[in-house]
Amino acid sequence: MDAKITLSFDKQIIEKAKRYAENNNISLSRLMEFILDKITTHQYESLEDLPVSDWVNAVAEGEAEYIAKPKNYAKQKQEYRNRKK
């Protein structure tokens, strides 16, 4: 059963993801479902342990940067708000 979710991404990332999904004849929703399924069905201790497949590298611009969840959530929220401005 499908459920809806609201996510926020950088506009350029969304546009690239839409193009990628369209070029691969899949909806953006199913693409995200596929990616999240692959990530969550394996036991990874951290994001750095997550293997990045060749097709992700093909659509990425530059090196991927993984930011671990900071312990100070107030600081994280403020940084998020600052990025939205």
N, C-alpha and C. Protein backbone atom coordinates (compact mmCIF):
# COMPACT_ATOMS: atom_id res chain seq x y z
N MET A 1 0.84 -1.18 0.00
CA MET A 1 0.00 0.00 0.00
C MET A 1 0.88 1.24 0.00
N ASP A 2 0.61 2.15 -0.87
CA ASP A 2 1.39 3.38 -0.96
C ASP A 2 0.95 4.37 0.11
N ALA A 3 1.90 5.16 0.57
CA ALA A 3 1.64 6.25 1.50
C ALA A 3 2.37 7.47 0.98
N LYS A 4 1.84 8.64 1.25
CA LYS A 4 2.47 9.87 0.78
C LYS A 4 3.44 10.39 1.83
N ILE A 5 4.47 11.09 1.32
CA ILE A 5 5.48 11.70 2.17
C ILE A 5 5.90 13.01 1.51
N THR A 6 6.22 13.99 2.31
CA THR A 6 6.69 15.27 1.78
C THR A 6 8.17 15.42 2.13
N LEU A 7 8.97 15.68 1.12
CA LEU A 7 10.41 15.87 1.30
C LEU A 7 10.81 17.19 0.67
N SER A 8 11.88 17.77 1.17
CA SER A 8 12.40 19.01 0.60
C SER A 8 13.82 18.76 0.09
N PHE A 9 14.06 19.15 -1.15
CA PHE A 9 15.37 19.01 -1.77
C PHE A 9 15.72 20.31 -2.47
N ASP A 10 17.00 20.47 -2.74
CA ASP A 10 17.46 21.58 -3.55
C ASP A 10 16.77 21.48 -4.91
N LYS A 11 16.31 22.60 -5.44
CA LYS A 11 15.56 22.61 -6.70
C LYS A 11 16.34 21.98 -7.84
N GLN A 12 17.63 22.24 -7.92
CA GLN A 12 18.46 21.67 -8.99
C GLN A 12 18.53 20.15 -8.88
N ILE A 13 18.60 19.65 -7.67
CA ILE A 13 18.63 18.20 -7.45
C ILE A 13 17.32 17.58 -7.93
N ILE A 14 16.21 18.22 -7.62
CA ILE A 14 14.91 17.72 -8.04
C ILE A 14 14.83 17.66 -9.57
N GLU A 15 15.27 18.72 -10.23
CA GLU A 15 15.22 18.75 -11.69
C GLU A 15 16.08 17.65 -12.30
N LYS A 16 17.29 17.44 -11.75
CA LYS A 16 18.15 16.39 -12.27
C LYS A 16 17.53 15.02 -12.02
N ALA A 17 16.94 14.83 -10.86
CA ALA A 17 16.31 13.55 -10.53
C ALA A 17 15.11 13.28 -11.45
N LYS A 18 14.33 14.31 -11.74
CA LYS A 18 13.20 14.15 -12.66
C LYS A 18 13.67 13.74 -14.05
N ARG A 19 14.73 14.40 -14.52
CA ARG A 19 15.27 14.05 -15.84
C ARG A 19 15.78 12.61 -15.84
N TYR A 20 16.49 12.25 -14.78
CA TYR A 20 17.02 10.89 -14.68
C TYR A 20 15.88 9.88 -14.69
N ALA A 21 14.86 10.12 -13.89
CA ALA A 21 13.72 9.21 -13.82
C ALA A 21 13.04 9.10 -15.18
N GLU A 22 12.81 10.24 -15.82
CA GLU A 22 12.17 10.22 -17.13
C GLU A 22 13.00 9.46 -18.15
N ASN A 23 14.30 9.68 -18.16
CA ASN A 23 15.19 8.98 -19.09
C ASN A 23 15.21 7.48 -18.85
N ASN A 24 14.87 7.06 -17.64
CA ASN A 24 14.87 5.64 -17.29
C ASN A 24 13.45 5.08 -17.19
N ASN A 25 12.49 5.86 -17.70
CA ASN A 25 11.11 5.41 -17.79
C ASN A 25 10.55 4.94 -16.44
N ILE A 26 10.77 5.75 -15.42
CA ILE A 26 10.29 5.45 -14.08
C ILE A 26 9.82 6.76 -13.45
N SER A 27 8.85 6.68 -12.57
CA SER A 27 8.42 7.91 -11.91
C SER A 27 9.43 8.30 -10.84
N LEU A 28 9.45 9.55 -10.50
CA LEU A 28 10.35 10.03 -9.45
C LEU A 28 10.02 9.34 -8.13
N SER A 29 8.74 9.12 -7.87
CA SER A 29 8.33 8.43 -6.64
C SER A 29 8.91 7.01 -6.59
N ARG A 30 8.81 6.28 -7.69
CA ARG A 30 9.33 4.91 -7.71
C ARG A 30 10.85 4.89 -7.66
N LEU A 31 11.50 5.88 -8.24
CA LEU A 31 12.95 5.99 -8.15
C LEU A 31 13.38 6.16 -6.70
N MET A 32 12.71 7.07 -5.99
CA MET A 32 13.05 7.30 -4.59
C MET A 32 12.73 6.05 -3.75
N GLU A 33 11.63 5.40 -4.05
CA GLU A 33 11.27 4.18 -3.34
C GLU A 33 12.36 3.11 -3.54
N PHE A 34 12.83 2.98 -4.76
CA PHE A 34 13.88 2.02 -5.07
C PHE A 34 15.16 2.33 -4.29
N ILE A 35 15.56 3.60 -4.31
CA ILE A 35 16.78 4.00 -3.60
C ILE A 35 16.65 3.77 -2.10
N LEU A 36 15.53 4.19 -1.53
CA LEU A 36 15.34 4.01 -0.08
C LEU A 36 15.26 2.54 0.29
N ASP A 37 14.65 1.72 -0.56
CA ASP A 37 14.59 0.28 -0.30
C ASP A 37 15.99 -0.31 -0.28
N LYS A 38 16.82 0.07 -1.26
CA LYS A 38 18.19 -0.46 -1.31
C LYS A 38 18.99 -0.05 -0.08
N ILE A 39 18.81 1.18 0.36
CA ILE A 39 19.56 1.68 1.52
C ILE A 39 19.12 0.99 2.80
N THR A 40 17.81 0.83 2.97
CA THR A 40 17.28 0.34 4.25
C THR A 40 17.23 -1.17 4.38
N THR A 41 17.48 -1.91 3.31
CA THR A 41 17.46 -3.37 3.43
C THR A 41 18.81 -3.96 3.79
N HIS A 42 19.80 -3.13 3.97
CA HIS A 42 21.13 -3.58 4.37
C HIS A 42 21.51 -2.95 5.70
N GLN A 43 22.40 -3.60 6.40
CA GLN A 43 22.87 -3.08 7.69
C GLN A 43 24.13 -2.26 7.47
N TYR A 44 24.00 -0.97 7.58
CA TYR A 44 25.15 -0.07 7.46
C TYR A 44 25.31 0.66 8.78
N GLU A 45 26.53 0.72 9.28
CA GLU A 45 26.77 1.42 10.52
C GLU A 45 26.74 2.93 10.34
N SER A 46 27.06 3.39 9.15
CA SER A 46 27.04 4.82 8.88
C SER A 46 26.85 5.03 7.38
N LEU A 47 26.58 6.27 7.00
CA LEU A 47 26.42 6.58 5.58
C LEU A 47 27.71 6.36 4.80
N GLU A 48 28.85 6.49 5.48
CA GLU A 48 30.12 6.28 4.81
C GLU A 48 30.28 4.83 4.37
N ASP A 49 29.57 3.90 5.03
CA ASP A 49 29.64 2.48 4.67
C ASP A 49 28.75 2.15 3.47
N LEU A 50 27.86 3.04 3.12
CA LEU A 50 26.92 2.81 2.04
C LEU A 50 27.63 2.84 0.70
N PRO A 51 27.57 1.75 -0.08
CA PRO A 51 28.21 1.77 -1.39
C PRO A 51 27.43 2.65 -2.36
N VAL A 52 28.13 3.46 -3.10
CA VAL A 52 27.49 4.32 -4.09
C VAL A 52 27.69 3.66 -5.45
N SER A 53 26.60 3.31 -6.08
CA SER A 53 26.70 2.57 -7.33
C SER A 53 27.13 3.47 -8.48
N ASP A 54 27.53 2.84 -9.55
CA ASP A 54 28.00 3.58 -10.71
C ASP A 54 26.94 4.51 -11.29
N TRP A 55 25.68 4.09 -11.30
CA TRP A 55 24.66 4.94 -11.89
C TRP A 55 24.40 6.18 -11.06
N VAL A 56 24.61 6.12 -9.75
CA VAL A 56 24.49 7.32 -8.92
C VAL A 56 25.65 8.26 -9.25
N ASN A 57 26.84 7.70 -9.37
CA ASN A 57 27.99 8.52 -9.74
C ASN A 57 27.80 9.17 -11.10
N ALA A 58 27.11 8.49 -12.00
CA ALA A 58 26.91 9.02 -13.34
C ALA A 58 26.03 10.25 -13.34
N VAL A 59 25.06 10.34 -12.42
CA VAL A 59 24.16 11.50 -12.40
C VAL A 59 24.61 12.56 -11.40
N ALA A 60 25.61 12.24 -10.60
CA ALA A 60 26.08 13.19 -9.59
C ALA A 60 27.03 14.20 -10.22
N GLU A 61 27.02 15.39 -9.67
CA GLU A 61 27.98 16.41 -10.08
C GLU A 61 28.95 16.61 -8.94
N GLY A 62 30.16 16.22 -9.14
CA GLY A 62 31.16 16.37 -8.09
C GLY A 62 31.08 15.24 -7.08
N GLU A 63 31.89 15.36 -6.05
CA GLU A 63 31.97 14.34 -5.03
C GLU A 63 30.79 14.45 -4.06
N ALA A 64 30.22 13.31 -3.68
CA ALA A 64 29.11 13.30 -2.72
C ALA A 64 29.63 13.65 -1.34
N GLU A 65 28.83 14.41 -0.61
CA GLU A 65 29.20 14.78 0.75
C GLU A 65 28.12 14.29 1.69
N TYR A 66 28.50 13.44 2.64
CA TYR A 66 27.57 12.92 3.62
C TYR A 66 27.79 13.66 4.93
N ILE A 67 26.72 14.20 5.45
CA ILE A 67 26.81 14.93 6.70
C ILE A 67 26.08 14.13 7.76
N ALA A 68 26.82 13.69 8.77
CA ALA A 68 26.22 12.92 9.85
C ALA A 68 25.30 13.82 10.67
N LYS A 69 24.26 13.22 11.24
CA LYS A 69 23.32 13.96 12.06
C LYS A 69 24.03 14.54 13.28
N PRO A 70 24.03 15.83 13.42
CA PRO A 70 24.70 16.43 14.58
C PRO A 70 23.91 16.16 15.86
N LYS A 71 24.61 16.13 16.95
CA LYS A 71 23.96 15.91 18.23
C LYS A 71 23.18 17.14 18.68
N ASN A 72 23.56 18.31 18.20
CA ASN A 72 22.88 19.54 18.57
C ASN A 72 21.80 19.82 17.52
N TYR A 73 20.57 19.38 17.80
CA TYR A 73 19.48 19.50 16.83
C TYR A 73 19.07 20.95 16.61
N ALA A 74 19.20 21.79 17.63
CA ALA A 74 18.87 23.20 17.47
C ALA A 74 19.79 23.84 16.44
N LYS A 75 21.07 23.51 16.51
CA LYS A 75 22.04 24.03 15.54
C LYS A 75 21.71 23.53 14.14
N GLN A 76 21.33 22.26 14.02
CA GLN A 76 20.97 21.67 12.73
C GLN A 76 19.76 22.39 12.14
N LYS A 77 18.76 22.66 12.95
CA LYS A 77 17.57 23.36 12.47
C LYS A 77 17.92 24.76 11.99
N GLN A 78 18.80 25.46 12.71
CA GLN A 78 19.19 26.80 12.32
C GLN A 78 19.95 26.78 11.00
N GLU A 79 20.85 25.81 10.83
CA GLU A 79 21.59 25.69 9.57
C GLU A 79 20.64 25.41 8.42
N TYR A 80 19.62 24.58 8.65
CA TYR A 80 18.63 24.29 7.61
C TYR A 80 17.88 25.57 7.23
N ARG A 81 17.47 26.32 8.22
CA ARG A 81 16.74 27.57 7.95
C ARG A 81 17.62 28.55 7.18
N ASN A 82 18.89 28.62 7.54
CA ASN A 82 19.81 29.54 6.85
C ASN A 82 19.99 29.14 5.38
N ARG A 83 19.99 27.84 5.08
CA ARG A 83 20.14 27.37 3.71
C ARG A 83 18.90 27.70 2.89
N LYS A 84 17.74 27.75 3.53
CA LYS A 84 16.48 28.01 2.82
C LYS A 84 16.35 29.47 2.41
N LYS A 85 17.16 30.36 3.00
CA LYS A 85 17.05 31.80 2.71
C LYS A 85 17.63 32.16 1.38
